[in-house]
Amino acid sequence: MHYGEPQAAQLLEHAALRARKWEQESDTIVTRVRSLARRTKRPEVYASLLHDADDAADGLEEASFLMTHLVAVAPAGRLLEPVQALAALLVSGAQESVKMFEAASHVTRAGAREDLEDFFAAVDRIVAIEHETDAAQRAVTSALLSSDADVRTFNVLSRLAEALEEAADGLAPCALKLRDQVLDEMMRG
């Protein structure tokens, strides 16, 4: 989203460094939670959920790295627009994930109905966004294939679109697994 701003190279480099740091912190959290999850009745649920969430973080870190090369390849606006649309979907997916986890932390059998509704709405939106990112990635591919982009530009933009779509692919199964876990816990009471 920062591409085209006066100090885009510095902004994109800073974002990539932050993403790398966050992904490393995510790996640490995954390890810690896996250890804690072994104390629960169904540790495999949390391990699987964390694996998907970590896949999303990995995809975002790769996308951040690839974005640092946008300034060097200077893609035409018509090529960058579908990538920006894909990135905007991922931002929405990440925001919905935050809402989902926050709502899930308040869901109980005796809890407020609004928390449960907010949780399910976020899950549904994350799954919808994942489907939208599939179409958005295809739009990037179509734009690239109908262009006269050089090899460097083609490579950076296609890999960037792939990394963004892979991140969305990590968000959706994570949301569905958390939904199943919440429903299972509510049914068991």
C-alpha atoms as a PDB file:
ATOM      1  CA  MET A   1       0.000   0.000   0.000  1.00  0.00           C
ATOM      2  CA  HIS A   2       3.010   2.301   0.528  1.00  0.00           C
ATOM      3  CA  TYR A   3       4.285   1.875  -3.029  1.00  0.00           C
ATOM      4  CA  GLY A   4       4.214   5.181  -4.836  1.00  0.00           C
ATOM      5  CA  GLU A   5       4.758   7.289  -1.729  1.00  0.00           C
ATOM      6  CA  PRO A   6       7.837   9.572  -1.686  1.00  0.00           C
ATOM      7  CA  GLN A   7       9.850   7.325   0.648  1.00  0.00           C
ATOM      8  CA  ALA A   8       8.400   4.001  -0.520  1.00  0.00           C
ATOM      9  CA  ALA A   9      11.695   2.104  -0.375  1.00  0.00           C
ATOM     10  CA  GLN A  10      12.264   2.983   3.274  1.00  0.00           C
ATOM     11  CA  LEU A  11       8.644   2.350   4.219  1.00  0.00           C
ATOM     12  CA  LEU A  12       8.610  -1.039   2.514  1.00  0.00           C
ATOM     13  CA  GLU A  13      11.947  -2.030   4.048  1.00  0.00           C
ATOM     14  CA  HIS A  14      10.689  -1.023   7.490  1.00  0.00           C
ATOM     15  CA  ALA A  15       7.501  -3.055   6.959  1.00  0.00           C
ATOM     16  CA  ALA A  16       9.555  -6.087   5.899  1.00  0.00           C
ATOM     17  CA  LEU A  17      11.748  -5.831   9.006  1.00  0.00           C
ATOM     18  CA  ARG A  18       8.666  -5.614  11.220  1.00  0.00           C
ATOM     19  CA  ALA A  19       7.085  -8.580   9.438  1.00  0.00           C
ATOM     20  CA  ARG A  20      10.240 -10.640   9.913  1.00  0.00           C
ATOM     21  CA  LYS A  21      10.322  -9.762  13.614  1.00  0.00           C
ATOM     22  CA  TRP A  22       6.619 -10.562  14.044  1.00  0.00           C
ATOM     23  CA  GLU A  23       6.983 -13.866  12.211  1.00  0.00           C
ATOM     24  CA  GLN A  24       9.864 -14.840  14.494  1.00  0.00           C
ATOM     25  CA  GLU A  25       7.771 -13.865  17.518  1.00  0.00           C
ATOM     26  CA  SER A  26       4.933 -15.916  16.055  1.00  0.00           C
ATOM     27  CA  ASP A  27       7.206 -18.956  15.852  1.00  0.00           C
ATOM     28  CA  THR A  28       8.107 -18.469  19.523  1.00  0.00           C
ATOM     29  CA  ILE A  29       4.449 -18.193  20.496  1.00  0.00           C
ATOM     30  CA  VAL A  30       3.611 -21.315  18.481  1.00  0.00           C
ATOM     31  CA  THR A  31       6.281 -23.269  20.347  1.00  0.00           C
ATOM     32  CA  ARG A  32       5.080 -21.970  23.718  1.00  0.00           C
ATOM     33  CA  VAL A  33       1.413 -22.658  23.010  1.00  0.00           C
ATOM     34  CA  ARG A  34       2.178 -26.161  21.706  1.00  0.00           C
ATOM     35  CA  SER A  35       3.882 -26.857  25.008  1.00  0.00           C
ATOM     36  CA  LEU A  36       0.915 -25.488  26.957  1.00  0.00           C
ATOM     37  CA  ALA A  37      -1.590 -27.288  24.722  1.00  0.00           C
ATOM     38  CA  ARG A  38      -0.134 -30.647  25.735  1.00  0.00           C
ATOM     39  CA  ARG A  39      -1.819 -30.048  29.086  1.00  0.00           C
ATOM     40  CA  THR A  40      -5.267 -29.856  27.459  1.00  0.00           C
ATOM     41  CA  LYS A  41      -7.627 -32.683  26.574  1.00  0.00           C
ATOM     42  CA  ARG A  42      -7.187 -32.175  22.823  1.00  0.00           C
ATOM     43  CA  PRO A  43      -3.734 -30.733  22.118  1.00  0.00           C
ATOM     44  CA  GLU A  44      -3.874 -31.704  18.425  1.00  0.00           C
ATOM     45  CA  VAL A  45      -6.631 -29.134  17.844  1.00  0.00           C
ATOM     46  CA  TYR A  46      -4.440 -26.290  19.015  1.00  0.00           C
ATOM     47  CA  ALA A  47      -1.369 -27.612  17.202  1.00  0.00           C
ATOM     48  CA  SER A  48      -3.296 -27.747  13.918  1.00  0.00           C
ATOM     49  CA  LEU A  49      -4.830 -24.312  14.448  1.00  0.00           C
ATOM     50  CA  LEU A  50      -1.411 -22.828  15.222  1.00  0.00           C
ATOM     51  CA  HIS A  51       0.121 -24.495  12.175  1.00  0.00           C
ATOM     52  CA  ASP A  52      -2.402 -22.732   9.929  1.00  0.00           C
ATOM     53  CA  ALA A  53      -1.932 -19.403  11.684  1.00  0.00           C
ATOM     54  CA  ASP A  54       1.832 -19.768  11.297  1.00  0.00           C
ATOM     55  CA  ASP A  55       1.367 -20.458   7.568  1.00  0.00           C
ATOM     56  CA  ALA A  56      -0.455 -17.137   7.303  1.00  0.00           C
ATOM     57  CA  ALA A  57       2.383 -15.366   9.126  1.00  0.00           C
ATOM     58  CA  ASP A  58       4.947 -17.030   6.850  1.00  0.00           C
ATOM     59  CA  GLY A  59       3.049 -15.876   3.747  1.00  0.00           C
ATOM     60  CA  LEU A  60       2.851 -12.329   5.067  1.00  0.00           C
ATOM     61  CA  GLU A  61       6.558 -12.260   5.860  1.00  0.00           C
ATOM     62  CA  GLU A  62       7.387 -13.457   2.328  1.00  0.00           C
ATOM     63  CA  ALA A  63       5.021 -10.857   0.855  1.00  0.00           C
ATOM     64  CA  SER A  64       6.689  -8.123   2.902  1.00  0.00           C
ATOM     65  CA  PHE A  65      10.099  -9.197   1.636  1.00  0.00           C
ATOM     66  CA  LEU A  66       8.918  -9.210  -1.971  1.00  0.00           C
ATOM     67  CA  MET A  67       7.369  -5.769  -1.576  1.00  0.00           C
ATOM     68  CA  THR A  68      10.800  -4.326  -0.845  1.00  0.00           C
ATOM     69  CA  HIS A  69      11.619  -5.048  -4.501  1.00  0.00           C
ATOM     70  CA  LEU A  70       8.686  -3.091  -5.923  1.00  0.00           C
ATOM     71  CA  VAL A  71      10.648   0.142  -6.091  1.00  0.00           C
ATOM     72  CA  ALA A  72      13.422  -1.553  -8.071  1.00  0.00           C
ATOM     73  CA  VAL A  73      11.103  -3.096 -10.654  1.00  0.00           C
ATOM     74  CA  ALA A  74       8.709  -0.092 -10.750  1.00  0.00           C
ATOM     75  CA  PRO A  75       5.620  -1.874 -12.060  1.00  0.00           C
ATOM     76  CA  ALA A  76       3.091   0.084 -14.077  1.00  0.00           C
ATOM     77  CA  GLY A  77      -0.038   1.127 -12.189  1.00  0.00           C
ATOM     78  CA  ARG A  78      -2.245  -1.202 -14.212  1.00  0.00           C
ATOM     79  CA  LEU A  79      -0.105  -4.129 -13.031  1.00  0.00           C
ATOM     80  CA  LEU A  80       0.044  -3.005  -9.433  1.00  0.00           C
ATOM     81  CA  GLU A  81      -3.693  -2.332  -9.035  1.00  0.00           C
ATOM     82  CA  PRO A  82      -4.749  -6.014  -8.890  1.00  0.00           C
ATOM     83  CA  VAL A  83      -1.903  -6.722  -6.441  1.00  0.00           C
ATOM     84  CA  GLN A  84      -3.067  -3.837  -4.258  1.00  0.00           C
ATOM     85  CA  ALA A  85      -6.626  -5.203  -4.389  1.00  0.00           C
ATOM     86  CA  LEU A  86      -5.311  -8.593  -3.259  1.00  0.00           C
ATOM     87  CA  ALA A  87      -3.297  -6.962  -0.456  1.00  0.00           C
ATOM     88  CA  ALA A  88      -6.370  -5.011   0.675  1.00  0.00           C
ATOM     89  CA  LEU A  89      -8.305  -8.277   0.951  1.00  0.00           C
ATOM     90  CA  LEU A  90      -5.577  -9.691   3.122  1.00  0.00           C
ATOM     91  CA  VAL A  91      -5.638  -6.639   5.381  1.00  0.00           C
ATOM     92  CA  SER A  92      -9.388  -7.219   5.779  1.00  0.00           C
ATOM     93  CA  GLY A  93      -8.756 -10.897   6.503  1.00  0.00           C
ATOM     94  CA  ALA A  94      -6.200 -10.048   9.171  1.00  0.00           C
ATOM     95  CA  GLN A  95      -8.587  -7.530  10.756  1.00  0.00           C
ATOM     96  CA  GLU A  96     -11.376 -10.122  10.778  1.00  0.00           C
ATOM     97  CA  SER A  97      -8.972 -12.621  12.377  1.00  0.00           C
ATOM     98  CA  VAL A  98      -8.300 -10.192  15.205  1.00  0.00           C
ATOM     99  CA  LYS A  99     -12.069  -9.735  15.647  1.00  0.00           C
ATOM    100  CA  MET A 100     -12.572 -13.505  15.557  1.00  0.00           C
ATOM    101  CA  PHE A 101      -9.968 -14.257  18.231  1.00  0.00           C
ATOM    102  CA  GLU A 102     -11.212 -11.414  20.405  1.00  0.00           C
ATOM    103  CA  ALA A 103     -14.824 -12.562  20.128  1.00  0.00           C
ATOM    104  CA  ALA A 104     -13.805 -16.193  20.737  1.00  0.00           C
ATOM    105  CA  SER A 105     -12.134 -15.185  23.984  1.00  0.00           C
ATOM    106  CA  HIS A 106     -15.546 -14.023  25.265  1.00  0.00           C
ATOM    107  CA  VAL A 107     -17.700 -16.890  23.978  1.00  0.00           C
ATOM    108  CA  THR A 108     -19.177 -19.075  26.705  1.00  0.00           C
ATOM    109  CA  ARG A 109     -22.428 -21.017  27.056  1.00  0.00           C
ATOM    110  CA  ALA A 110     -23.726 -18.382  29.434  1.00  0.00           C
ATOM    111  CA  GLY A 111     -22.080 -15.474  27.610  1.00  0.00           C
ATOM    112  CA  ALA A 112     -23.591 -12.719  25.559  1.00  0.00           C
ATOM    113  CA  ARG A 113     -25.185 -13.774  22.289  1.00  0.00           C
ATOM    114  CA  GLU A 114     -23.492 -10.817  20.572  1.00  0.00           C
ATOM    115  CA  ASP A 115     -20.048 -12.321  21.218  1.00  0.00           C
ATOM    116  CA  LEU A 116     -21.077 -15.556  19.524  1.00  0.00           C
ATOM    117  CA  GLU A 117     -22.635 -13.663  16.617  1.00  0.00           C
ATOM    118  CA  ASP A 118     -19.500 -11.517  16.238  1.00  0.00           C
ATOM    119  CA  PHE A 119     -17.366 -14.658  16.286  1.00  0.00           C
ATOM    120  CA  PHE A 120     -19.391 -16.415  13.564  1.00  0.00           C
ATOM    121  CA  ALA A 121     -19.592 -13.261  11.450  1.00  0.00           C
ATOM    122  CA  ALA A 122     -15.791 -12.928  11.524  1.00  0.00           C
ATOM    123  CA  VAL A 123     -15.318 -16.607  10.631  1.00  0.00           C
ATOM    124  CA  ASP A 124     -17.734 -16.277   7.708  1.00  0.00           C
ATOM    125  CA  ARG A 125     -15.985 -13.137   6.473  1.00  0.00           C
ATOM    126  CA  ILE A 126     -12.532 -14.775   6.676  1.00  0.00           C
ATOM    127  CA  VAL A 127     -13.737 -17.720   4.596  1.00  0.00           C
ATOM    128  CA  ALA A 128     -15.351 -15.354   2.078  1.00  0.00           C
ATOM    129  CA  ILE A 129     -12.151 -13.311   1.871  1.00  0.00           C
ATOM    130  CA  GLU A 130     -10.147 -16.464   1.146  1.00  0.00           C
ATOM    131  CA  HIS A 131     -12.425 -17.155  -1.847  1.00  0.00           C
ATOM    132  CA  GLU A 132     -12.096 -13.535  -2.956  1.00  0.00           C
ATOM    133  CA  THR A 133      -8.292 -13.777  -2.780  1.00  0.00           C
ATOM    134  CA  ASP A 134      -8.385 -16.735  -5.176  1.00  0.00           C
ATOM    135  CA  ALA A 135     -10.147 -14.541  -7.720  1.00  0.00           C
ATOM    136  CA  ALA A 136      -7.852 -11.603  -6.966  1.00  0.00           C
ATOM    137  CA  GLN A 137      -4.761 -13.740  -7.527  1.00  0.00           C
ATOM    138  CA  ARG A 138      -6.188 -14.827 -10.890  1.00  0.00           C
ATOM    139  CA  ALA A 139      -6.711 -11.146 -11.758  1.00  0.00           C
ATOM    140  CA  VAL A 140      -3.012 -10.514 -11.043  1.00  0.00           C
ATOM    141  CA  THR A 141      -2.051 -13.453 -13.259  1.00  0.00           C
ATOM    142  CA  SER A 142      -4.312 -12.225 -16.066  1.00  0.00           C
ATOM    143  CA  ALA A 143      -2.922  -8.701 -15.837  1.00  0.00           C
ATOM    144  CA  LEU A 144       0.649  -9.990 -15.947  1.00  0.00           C
ATOM    145  CA  LEU A 145       0.028 -12.348 -18.850  1.00  0.00           C
ATOM    146  CA  SER A 146      -1.626  -9.625 -20.910  1.00  0.00           C
ATOM    147  CA  SER A 147       1.198  -7.170 -20.250  1.00  0.00           C
ATOM    148  CA  ASP A 148       4.646  -6.651 -21.652  1.00  0.00           C
ATOM    149  CA  ALA A 149       6.203  -6.740 -18.168  1.00  0.00           C
ATOM    150  CA  ASP A 150       9.865  -7.625 -18.039  1.00  0.00           C
ATOM    151  CA  VAL A 151      10.977 -10.828 -16.302  1.00  0.00           C
ATOM    152  CA  ARG A 152      11.904  -9.112 -13.033  1.00  0.00           C
ATOM    153  CA  THR A 153       8.570  -7.329 -12.721  1.00  0.00           C
ATOM    154  CA  PHE A 154       6.653 -10.447 -13.712  1.00  0.00           C
ATOM    155  CA  ASN A 155       8.550 -12.529 -11.149  1.00  0.00           C
ATOM    156  CA  VAL A 156       8.166 -10.096  -8.251  1.00  0.00           C
ATOM    157  CA  LEU A 157       4.466  -9.446  -8.835  1.00  0.00           C
ATOM    158  CA  SER A 158       3.522 -13.076  -9.448  1.00  0.00           C
ATOM    159  CA  ARG A 159       5.449 -14.250  -6.368  1.00  0.00           C
ATOM    160  CA  LEU A 160       3.957 -11.411  -4.314  1.00  0.00           C
ATOM    161  CA  ALA A 161       0.436 -12.400  -5.370  1.00  0.00           C
ATOM    162  CA  GLU A 162       1.202 -16.025  -4.528  1.00  0.00           C
ATOM    163  CA  ALA A 163       2.535 -15.118  -1.061  1.00  0.00           C
ATOM    164  CA  LEU A 164      -0.515 -12.972  -0.308  1.00  0.00           C
ATOM    165  CA  GLU A 165      -2.878 -15.709  -1.440  1.00  0.00           C
ATOM    166  CA  GLU A 166      -0.996 -18.306   0.630  1.00  0.00           C
ATOM    167  CA  ALA A 167      -1.394 -16.092   3.684  1.00  0.00           C
ATOM    168  CA  ALA A 168      -5.142 -15.966   3.077  1.00  0.00           C
ATOM    169  CA  ASP A 169      -5.083 -19.739   2.649  1.00  0.00           C
ATOM    170  CA  GLY A 170      -3.690 -19.945   6.185  1.00  0.00           C
ATOM    171  CA  LEU A 171      -6.336 -17.669   7.696  1.00  0.00           C
ATOM    172  CA  ALA A 172      -9.369 -19.609   6.449  1.00  0.00           C
ATOM    173  CA  PRO A 173      -8.599 -23.081   7.836  1.00  0.00           C
ATOM    174  CA  CYS A 174      -7.495 -21.483  11.088  1.00  0.00           C
ATOM    175  CA  ALA A 175     -10.888 -19.768  11.349  1.00  0.00           C
ATOM    176  CA  LEU A 176     -12.775 -22.951  10.510  1.00  0.00           C
ATOM    177  CA  LYS A 177     -10.826 -25.013  13.044  1.00  0.00           C
ATOM    178  CA  LEU A 178     -11.398 -22.416  15.745  1.00  0.00           C
ATOM    179  CA  ARG A 179     -15.102 -22.360  14.855  1.00  0.00           C
ATOM    180  CA  ASP A 180     -15.270 -26.145  15.201  1.00  0.00           C
ATOM    181  CA  GLN A 181     -13.431 -25.991  18.521  1.00  0.00           C
ATOM    182  CA  VAL A 182     -15.724 -23.289  19.899  1.00  0.00           C
ATOM    183  CA  LEU A 183     -18.811 -25.224  18.812  1.00  0.00           C
ATOM    184  CA  ASP A 184     -17.439 -28.428  20.306  1.00  0.00           C
ATOM    185  CA  GLU A 185     -16.739 -26.713  23.630  1.00  0.00           C
ATOM    186  CA  MET A 186     -20.192 -25.108  23.657  1.00  0.00           C
ATOM    187  CA  MET A 187     -21.878 -28.464  22.981  1.00  0.00           C
ATOM    188  CA  ARG A 188     -19.918 -30.181  25.748  1.00  0.00           C
ATOM    189  CA  GLY A 189     -20.737 -27.339  28.092  1.00  0.00           C
END
